Amino acid sequence: MNSDILFAQAASTTKDRSIVLTCRPKLTFVQVTPSLEIQAPNIVFEQTLGHPTGMEGRVDEHGDINLTDMPFNAEYTDNVDITINLDSSLLFDPNGNRVTGRWAFVDESSGQGETGFGWFCGTDAAGKYSTKIPIPIDGMRIERLNDMQLRINDDTPKATPEYAYAIALVLPAYNNYYITIDPRITTKTTNTSS
């Protein structure tokens, strides 16, 4: 067999890397006469899985994902499938009743320039990431798998610059109250040897 055929066979057996994380929002209510209103929720992220070995511990509590210095592994590509699970177990109203949360649908909006379940953020005139400036990124897409799962498919090449992603959840019992979260993903690099 020639080397081109061997390379093509090896490439067809490699897998994407994977990261699974959980997003746990917790609601806080404030009294605004005559009713209670939701204050900015406390949201914590936790990584629950990573493949191959060395892909664990890459998500901080704010949802920022570190893709620098990924471990070399000939069985895996540099593409990363990032699954984000929504855990609504900490969503309660002021009386202790459970509140249902879900990832937003593609046509739901904050009413303030943010629409959908997930997008990548551009920068404003001051050079800061803005959830109100959605941009496309070649080789990247966010999918809504179901009410409780999103997936970021990162098929960008190594050395892709850092970027921000935004994800949105809604609270159906509160007139589809829309909550936007905007973590970062670092520049992607991989070790070149085992």
Protein backbone atom coordinates (compact mmCIF):
# COMPACT_ATOMS: atom_id res chain seq x y z
CA MET A 1 0.00 0.00 0.00
CA ASN A 2 1.21 3.50 -0.68
CA SER A 3 1.49 6.13 2.07
CA ASP A 4 -1.55 8.15 0.81
CA ILE A 5 -3.84 5.14 1.26
CA LEU A 6 -2.43 4.39 4.72
CA PHE A 7 -2.90 8.04 5.76
CA ALA A 8 -6.51 8.06 4.48
CA GLN A 9 -7.28 4.84 6.37
CA ALA A 10 -5.76 6.22 9.58
CA ALA A 11 -7.67 9.51 9.24
CA SER A 12 -10.98 7.67 8.78
CA THR A 13 -10.57 5.85 12.12
CA THR A 14 -9.82 8.92 14.25
CA LYS A 15 -12.48 10.39 16.54
CA ASP A 16 -13.34 13.89 17.68
CA ARG A 17 -12.32 14.87 21.20
CA SER A 18 -15.16 15.47 23.63
CA ILE A 19 -15.98 17.61 26.62
CA VAL A 20 -19.22 17.35 28.60
CA LEU A 21 -20.18 20.07 31.04
CA THR A 22 -23.16 20.88 33.21
CA CYS A 23 -24.70 24.33 33.63
CA ARG A 24 -26.51 24.85 36.98
CA PRO A 25 -28.46 28.12 37.32
CA LYS A 26 -29.85 29.20 40.70
CA LEU A 27 -32.50 31.91 40.91
CA THR A 28 -32.55 34.88 43.26
CA PHE A 29 -35.66 37.02 43.58
CA VAL A 30 -35.89 40.66 44.74
CA GLN A 31 -38.94 42.56 45.94
CA VAL A 32 -40.02 45.17 43.42
CA THR A 33 -43.32 46.58 44.59
CA PRO A 34 -45.87 45.14 44.09
CA SER A 35 -44.20 41.86 43.02
CA LEU A 36 -41.03 39.80 43.08
CA GLU A 37 -38.65 39.93 40.14
CA ILE A 38 -35.81 37.64 39.14
CA GLN A 39 -32.40 39.09 39.80
CA ALA A 40 -29.42 37.98 37.71
CA PRO A 41 -29.16 34.24 38.39
CA ASN A 42 -26.10 32.61 39.89
CA ILE A 43 -24.82 30.16 37.26
CA VAL A 44 -22.13 27.55 37.91
CA PHE A 45 -20.54 25.21 35.37
CA GLU A 46 -18.83 21.89 36.01
CA GLN A 47 -17.03 19.58 33.60
CA THR A 48 -18.29 16.02 33.97
CA LEU A 49 -16.38 14.21 31.20
CA GLY A 50 -13.49 14.61 28.77
CA HIS A 51 -11.95 12.31 26.13
CA PRO A 52 -9.19 11.37 25.51
CA THR A 53 -7.21 11.38 28.76
CA GLY A 54 -5.98 14.91 29.39
CA MET A 55 -9.22 16.55 28.23
CA GLU A 56 -10.58 16.58 31.81
CA GLY A 57 -10.49 19.72 33.98
CA ARG A 58 -10.78 22.13 31.03
CA VAL A 59 -13.95 23.98 32.10
CA ASP A 60 -13.98 26.52 34.92
CA GLU A 61 -16.96 27.46 37.10
CA HIS A 62 -17.89 30.31 34.71
CA GLY A 63 -18.12 27.99 31.68
CA ASP A 64 -14.85 29.15 30.13
CA ILE A 65 -13.32 26.26 28.13
CA ASN A 66 -9.55 25.87 27.87
CA LEU A 67 -8.46 24.21 24.62
CA THR A 68 -4.79 25.15 24.88
CA ASP A 69 -2.18 22.43 25.11
CA MET A 70 -4.55 19.56 24.32
CA PRO A 71 -2.83 16.16 24.74
CA PHE A 72 -1.43 14.44 21.69
CA ASN A 73 -3.34 11.26 20.83
CA ALA A 74 -3.11 9.68 17.38
CA GLU A 75 -6.62 8.19 17.77
CA TYR A 76 -8.24 11.66 18.01
CA THR A 77 -8.54 14.67 15.73
CA ASP A 78 -8.20 18.26 16.96
CA ASN A 79 -11.98 18.68 16.55
CA VAL A 80 -13.85 18.99 19.86
CA ASP A 81 -17.51 18.14 20.50
CA ILE A 82 -18.64 20.13 23.56
CA THR A 83 -21.95 19.02 25.11
CA ILE A 84 -23.62 21.42 27.56
CA ASN A 85 -26.23 19.85 29.85
CA LEU A 86 -28.70 22.09 31.67
CA ASP A 87 -29.33 21.01 35.27
CA SER A 88 -32.41 22.84 36.55
CA SER A 89 -32.38 21.15 39.97
CA LEU A 90 -31.51 24.48 41.70
CA LEU A 91 -34.35 26.46 40.10
CA PHE A 92 -36.96 27.30 42.76
CA ASP A 93 -39.44 30.13 43.21
CA PRO A 94 -39.47 32.19 46.46
CA ASN A 95 -41.88 29.66 48.03
CA GLY A 96 -39.58 26.70 47.37
CA ASN A 97 -41.53 25.35 44.41
CA ARG A 98 -39.54 23.90 41.52
CA VAL A 99 -39.20 26.14 38.44
CA THR A 100 -38.73 24.51 35.05
CA GLY A 101 -35.92 25.75 32.84
CA ARG A 102 -34.91 24.76 29.31
CA TRP A 103 -32.58 25.91 26.56
CA ALA A 104 -34.19 28.60 24.41
CA PHE A 105 -35.62 27.87 20.98
CA VAL A 106 -34.12 29.43 17.85
CA ASP A 107 -36.83 32.12 17.64
CA GLU A 108 -36.97 33.13 21.32
CA SER A 109 -35.44 36.45 22.28
CA SER A 110 -34.42 38.63 25.20
CA GLY A 111 -36.06 41.61 23.48
CA GLN A 112 -32.69 43.36 23.76
CA GLY A 113 -30.88 42.10 20.67
CA GLU A 114 -30.24 38.49 21.69
CA THR A 115 -32.10 35.70 19.88
CA GLY A 116 -31.89 31.92 19.96
CA PHE A 117 -30.27 29.20 22.05
CA GLY A 118 -26.64 29.82 21.18
CA TRP A 119 -24.29 31.92 19.05
CA PHE A 120 -20.73 33.23 18.89
CA CYS A 121 -20.06 36.80 20.04
CA GLY A 122 -18.41 39.61 18.12
CA THR A 123 -16.72 42.61 19.69
CA ASP A 124 -18.12 46.09 20.23
CA ALA A 125 -16.41 49.43 19.48
CA ALA A 126 -14.43 49.14 22.73
CA GLY A 127 -13.11 45.70 21.72
CA LYS A 128 -15.18 43.81 24.31
CA TYR A 129 -17.22 40.70 23.52
CA SER A 130 -20.91 41.48 23.14
CA THR A 131 -23.81 39.02 23.22
CA LYS A 132 -25.68 41.50 21.02
CA ILE A 133 -23.24 41.05 18.10
CA PRO A 134 -23.63 37.48 16.79
CA ILE A 135 -20.94 36.35 14.33
CA PRO A 136 -20.26 33.22 12.29
CA ILE A 137 -17.03 31.31 12.90
CA ASP A 138 -15.83 28.99 10.15
CA GLY A 139 -15.78 25.42 11.43
CA MET A 140 -18.01 26.18 14.44
CA ARG A 141 -21.68 25.62 15.10
CA ILE A 142 -23.99 25.32 18.08
CA GLU A 143 -26.84 22.79 17.98
CA ARG A 144 -29.87 22.44 20.24
CA LEU A 145 -30.16 18.70 20.82
CA ASN A 146 -33.19 18.92 23.13
CA ASP A 147 -34.58 21.06 25.98
CA MET A 148 -31.67 20.10 28.25
CA GLN A 149 -28.69 19.71 25.87
CA LEU A 150 -26.71 21.91 23.52
CA ARG A 151 -23.62 20.92 21.54
CA ILE A 152 -20.81 23.09 20.25
CA ASN A 153 -19.07 21.44 17.31
CA ASP A 154 -15.58 22.94 17.16
CA ASP A 155 -13.95 21.83 13.91
CA THR A 156 -11.62 24.84 13.75
CA PRO A 157 -7.91 24.39 13.05
CA LYS A 158 -5.22 24.77 15.69
CA ALA A 159 -4.31 28.37 16.62
CA THR A 160 -7.90 29.59 16.11
CA PRO A 161 -8.15 32.73 18.28
CA GLU A 162 -10.07 32.88 21.55
CA TYR A 163 -13.77 33.60 21.15
CA ALA A 164 -16.86 34.03 23.28
CA TYR A 165 -19.98 31.95 22.93
CA ALA A 166 -23.40 32.81 24.26
CA ILE A 167 -26.08 30.37 25.32
CA ALA A 168 -29.59 31.15 26.49
CA LEU A 169 -32.11 29.45 28.73
CA VAL A 170 -35.70 30.34 29.41
CA LEU A 171 -38.12 29.89 32.31
CA PRO A 172 -41.52 28.97 30.78
CA ALA A 173 -43.48 29.64 33.99
CA TYR A 174 -42.14 33.21 34.07
CA ASN A 175 -43.39 34.29 30.64
CA ASN A 176 -40.36 32.62 29.01
CA TYR A 177 -37.94 34.79 31.00
CA TYR A 178 -34.73 34.74 28.89
CA ILE A 179 -31.28 34.38 30.52
CA THR A 180 -28.07 34.81 28.51
CA ILE A 181 -24.71 33.34 29.57
CA ASP A 182 -21.48 34.24 27.71
CA PRO A 183 -18.33 32.24 28.55
CA ARG A 184 -15.08 32.03 26.52
CA ILE A 185 -13.19 29.33 24.62
CA THR A 186 -9.40 29.76 24.47
CA THR A 187 -7.09 29.42 21.48
CA LYS A 188 -6.83 25.77 20.40
CA THR A 189 -3.37 24.17 20.55
CA THR A 190 -2.21 20.55 20.71
CA ASN A 191 1.03 18.98 21.89
CA THR A 192 2.90 17.68 18.87
CA SER A 193 4.26 14.51 20.46
CA SER A 194 3.21 11.85 22.92
